[in-house]
Amino acid sequence: MNPAAMIKLMGAKKNFERNHPKFAAFLKKTLERGIEEGSVVEITVTRPGETPVRANIRVQKSDLELLCGLKELSERTEP
């Protein structure tokens, strides 16, 4: 990945953590324990004045491989 793009991405990550500390802490705690194959991950988006929209996935082995790769990438880019 382009070093400038990586620096920009890491800055966006830090900004996200400042703006949403509880959500960032939730993600960290959840991912530290690990997500097992077969777990269900659900997300809900509620726009002002609209009905909530929900989606979920049942975690597969390939999903875990992707998360592992992203975690390794993140660890290599942190100071």
N, C-alpha and C. Protein backbone atom coordinates (compact mmCIF):
# COMPACT_ATOMS: atom_id res chain seq x y z
N MET A 1 0.85 -1.18 0.00
CA MET A 1 0.00 0.00 0.00
C MET A 1 0.89 1.23 0.00
N ASN A 2 0.44 2.26 -0.64
CA ASN A 2 1.13 3.53 -0.71
C ASN A 2 1.32 4.09 0.71
N PRO A 3 2.56 4.45 1.09
CA PRO A 3 2.80 4.96 2.45
C PRO A 3 1.96 6.19 2.80
N ALA A 4 1.76 7.08 1.86
CA ALA A 4 0.95 8.28 2.13
C ALA A 4 -0.51 7.88 2.40
N ALA A 5 -1.01 6.94 1.65
CA ALA A 5 -2.38 6.46 1.86
C ALA A 5 -2.50 5.77 3.21
N MET A 6 -1.46 5.02 3.60
CA MET A 6 -1.46 4.33 4.89
C MET A 6 -1.47 5.35 6.03
N ILE A 7 -0.68 6.40 5.92
CA ILE A 7 -0.64 7.44 6.96
C ILE A 7 -2.01 8.11 7.07
N LYS A 8 -2.62 8.39 5.93
CA LYS A 8 -3.95 9.01 5.92
C LYS A 8 -4.97 8.09 6.58
N LEU A 9 -4.90 6.80 6.27
CA LEU A 9 -5.83 5.82 6.84
C LEU A 9 -5.65 5.72 8.36
N MET A 10 -4.42 5.71 8.82
CA MET A 10 -4.16 5.63 10.26
C MET A 10 -4.67 6.89 10.97
N GLY A 11 -4.53 8.05 10.33
CA GLY A 11 -5.09 9.28 10.90
C GLY A 11 -6.60 9.20 11.00
N ALA A 12 -7.24 8.64 9.98
CA ALA A 12 -8.70 8.49 10.00
C ALA A 12 -9.12 7.53 11.11
N LYS A 13 -8.32 6.49 11.33
CA LYS A 13 -8.61 5.53 12.40
C LYS A 13 -8.55 6.22 13.76
N LYS A 14 -7.50 7.00 13.99
CA LYS A 14 -7.37 7.72 15.27
C LYS A 14 -8.52 8.70 15.46
N ASN A 15 -8.93 9.39 14.40
CA ASN A 15 -10.04 10.33 14.46
C ASN A 15 -11.34 9.59 14.80
N PHE A 16 -11.56 8.42 14.18
CA PHE A 16 -12.74 7.60 14.46
C PHE A 16 -12.77 7.22 15.93
N GLU A 17 -11.62 6.80 16.46
CA GLU A 17 -11.55 6.40 17.87
C GLU A 17 -11.84 7.57 18.81
N ARG A 18 -11.40 8.77 18.45
CA ARG A 18 -11.70 9.96 19.26
C ARG A 18 -13.19 10.30 19.21
N ASN A 19 -13.77 10.19 18.02
CA ASN A 19 -15.19 10.54 17.84
C ASN A 19 -16.15 9.52 18.43
N HIS A 20 -15.73 8.26 18.47
CA HIS A 20 -16.61 7.17 18.89
C HIS A 20 -15.89 6.24 19.88
N PRO A 21 -15.48 6.75 21.03
CA PRO A 21 -14.66 5.94 21.95
C PRO A 21 -15.35 4.67 22.45
N LYS A 22 -16.65 4.73 22.71
CA LYS A 22 -17.34 3.53 23.20
C LYS A 22 -17.41 2.45 22.12
N PHE A 23 -17.67 2.86 20.89
CA PHE A 23 -17.75 1.88 19.81
C PHE A 23 -16.37 1.30 19.52
N ALA A 24 -15.34 2.14 19.51
CA ALA A 24 -13.98 1.67 19.29
C ALA A 24 -13.57 0.68 20.39
N ALA A 25 -13.93 0.99 21.65
CA ALA A 25 -13.62 0.09 22.77
C ALA A 25 -14.37 -1.23 22.62
N PHE A 26 -15.63 -1.16 22.19
CA PHE A 26 -16.42 -2.37 21.96
C PHE A 26 -15.76 -3.25 20.91
N LEU A 27 -15.36 -2.64 19.79
CA LEU A 27 -14.70 -3.41 18.74
C LEU A 27 -13.41 -4.04 19.24
N LYS A 28 -12.61 -3.26 19.95
CA LYS A 28 -11.35 -3.77 20.46
C LYS A 28 -11.57 -4.96 21.39
N LYS A 29 -12.50 -4.81 22.33
CA LYS A 29 -12.78 -5.88 23.30
C LYS A 29 -13.30 -7.13 22.59
N THR A 30 -14.20 -6.93 21.66
CA THR A 30 -14.79 -8.06 20.94
C THR A 30 -13.75 -8.78 20.09
N LEU A 31 -12.91 -8.01 19.40
CA LEU A 31 -11.92 -8.62 18.52
C LEU A 31 -10.75 -9.23 19.29
N GLU A 32 -10.44 -8.67 20.48
CA GLU A 32 -9.37 -9.25 21.29
C GLU A 32 -9.73 -10.68 21.71
N ARG A 33 -10.97 -10.89 22.07
CA ARG A 33 -11.41 -12.23 22.47
C ARG A 33 -11.46 -13.17 21.27
N GLY A 34 -11.69 -12.59 20.13
CA GLY A 34 -11.76 -13.38 18.92
C GLY A 34 -13.21 -13.68 18.56
N ILE A 35 -13.44 -13.84 17.29
CA ILE A 35 -14.76 -14.20 16.80
C ILE A 35 -14.63 -15.59 16.19
N GLU A 36 -15.44 -16.50 16.67
CA GLU A 36 -15.36 -17.87 16.20
C GLU A 36 -16.22 -18.08 14.96
N GLU A 37 -15.82 -19.04 14.16
CA GLU A 37 -16.63 -19.43 13.01
C GLU A 37 -18.00 -19.84 13.54
N GLY A 38 -19.05 -19.39 12.87
CA GLY A 38 -20.41 -19.69 13.30
C GLY A 38 -21.05 -18.56 14.11
N SER A 39 -20.22 -17.61 14.58
CA SER A 39 -20.77 -16.45 15.30
C SER A 39 -21.61 -15.62 14.33
N VAL A 40 -22.58 -14.90 14.87
CA VAL A 40 -23.41 -14.03 14.06
C VAL A 40 -23.05 -12.58 14.39
N VAL A 41 -22.77 -11.79 13.36
CA VAL A 41 -22.48 -10.37 13.51
C VAL A 41 -23.64 -9.63 12.85
N GLU A 42 -24.23 -8.70 13.61
CA GLU A 42 -25.39 -7.97 13.12
C GLU A 42 -25.13 -6.48 13.21
N ILE A 43 -25.65 -5.75 12.25
CA ILE A 43 -25.52 -4.29 12.26
C ILE A 43 -26.89 -3.69 11.92
N THR A 44 -27.19 -2.58 12.58
CA THR A 44 -28.44 -1.85 12.35
C THR A 44 -28.10 -0.40 12.02
N VAL A 45 -28.71 0.13 10.98
CA VAL A 45 -28.55 1.54 10.62
C VAL A 45 -29.92 2.19 10.75
N THR A 46 -29.98 3.23 11.58
CA THR A 46 -31.23 3.97 11.78
C THR A 46 -31.01 5.41 11.34
N ARG A 47 -31.60 5.75 10.21
CA ARG A 47 -31.53 7.13 9.71
C ARG A 47 -32.65 7.94 10.34
N PRO A 48 -32.41 9.23 10.54
CA PRO A 48 -33.46 10.06 11.15
C PRO A 48 -34.78 9.95 10.38
N GLY A 49 -35.84 9.64 11.10
CA GLY A 49 -37.17 9.58 10.51
C GLY A 49 -37.45 8.34 9.67
N GLU A 50 -36.53 7.38 9.65
CA GLU A 50 -36.73 6.19 8.83
C GLU A 50 -36.74 4.93 9.69
N THR A 51 -37.27 3.87 9.12
CA THR A 51 -37.28 2.58 9.79
C THR A 51 -35.87 2.00 9.80
N PRO A 52 -35.45 1.42 10.92
CA PRO A 52 -34.12 0.82 10.97
C PRO A 52 -33.96 -0.30 9.93
N VAL A 53 -32.74 -0.40 9.41
CA VAL A 53 -32.40 -1.44 8.45
C VAL A 53 -31.34 -2.33 9.11
N ARG A 54 -31.57 -3.63 9.10
CA ARG A 54 -30.66 -4.57 9.76
C ARG A 54 -30.11 -5.57 8.75
N ALA A 55 -28.89 -6.00 9.02
CA ALA A 55 -28.28 -7.08 8.24
C ALA A 55 -27.39 -7.88 9.18
N ASN A 56 -27.18 -9.15 8.86
CA ASN A 56 -26.28 -9.93 9.67
C ASN A 56 -25.56 -10.96 8.80
N ILE A 57 -24.46 -11.46 9.35
CA ILE A 57 -23.73 -12.53 8.68
C ILE A 57 -23.40 -13.61 9.71
N ARG A 58 -23.34 -14.83 9.26
CA ARG A 58 -22.80 -15.91 10.07
C ARG A 58 -21.35 -16.05 9.63
N VAL A 59 -20.43 -15.87 10.56
CA VAL A 59 -19.01 -15.82 10.25
C VAL A 59 -18.51 -17.16 9.70
N GLN A 60 -17.82 -17.08 8.57
CA GLN A 60 -17.23 -18.25 7.93
C GLN A 60 -15.71 -18.21 8.08
N LYS A 61 -15.08 -19.32 7.79
CA LYS A 61 -13.62 -19.41 7.90
C LYS A 61 -12.94 -18.34 7.05
N SER A 62 -13.43 -18.09 5.85
CA SER A 62 -12.83 -17.09 4.96
C SER A 62 -12.95 -15.68 5.55
N ASP A 63 -14.02 -15.42 6.29
CA ASP A 63 -14.18 -14.12 6.96
C ASP A 63 -13.10 -13.95 8.02
N LEU A 64 -12.83 -15.01 8.76
CA LEU A 64 -11.81 -14.96 9.81
C LEU A 64 -10.42 -14.74 9.20
N GLU A 65 -10.17 -15.33 8.05
CA GLU A 65 -8.89 -15.13 7.37
C GLU A 65 -8.73 -13.67 6.96
N LEU A 66 -9.80 -13.05 6.48
CA LEU A 66 -9.77 -11.63 6.11
C LEU A 66 -9.49 -10.77 7.34
N LEU A 67 -10.20 -11.02 8.44
CA LEU A 67 -10.01 -10.24 9.67
C LEU A 67 -8.58 -10.38 10.19
N CYS A 68 -8.04 -11.58 10.11
CA CYS A 68 -6.67 -11.83 10.56
C CYS A 68 -5.69 -11.01 9.70
N GLY A 69 -5.89 -11.01 8.42
CA GLY A 69 -5.03 -10.23 7.52
C GLY A 69 -5.10 -8.75 7.80
N LEU A 70 -6.31 -8.23 8.05
CA LEU A 70 -6.47 -6.81 8.35
C LEU A 70 -5.81 -6.46 9.69
N LYS A 71 -5.92 -7.36 10.66
CA LYS A 71 -5.29 -7.13 11.96
C LYS A 71 -3.78 -7.07 11.82
N GLU A 72 -3.21 -8.00 11.06
CA GLU A 72 -1.77 -8.01 10.85
C GLU A 72 -1.31 -6.74 10.15
N LEU A 73 -2.06 -6.29 9.17
CA LEU A 73 -1.74 -5.05 8.45
C LEU A 73 -1.77 -3.86 9.41
N SER A 74 -2.77 -3.81 10.26
CA SER A 74 -2.89 -2.72 11.22
C SER A 74 -1.72 -2.73 12.20
N GLU A 75 -1.33 -3.91 12.67
CA GLU A 75 -0.22 -4.01 13.63
C GLU A 75 1.10 -3.58 13.01
N ARG A 76 1.28 -3.83 11.73
CA ARG A 76 2.52 -3.45 11.05
C ARG A 76 2.62 -1.95 10.82
N THR A 77 1.47 -1.26 10.82
CA THR A 77 1.48 0.17 10.52
C THR A 77 1.41 1.05 11.76
N GLU A 78 1.16 0.47 12.91
CA GLU A 78 1.08 1.27 14.15
C GLU A 78 2.48 1.61 14.62
N PRO A 79 2.67 2.85 15.10
CA PRO A 79 3.99 3.27 15.58
C PRO A 79 4.41 2.56 16.84
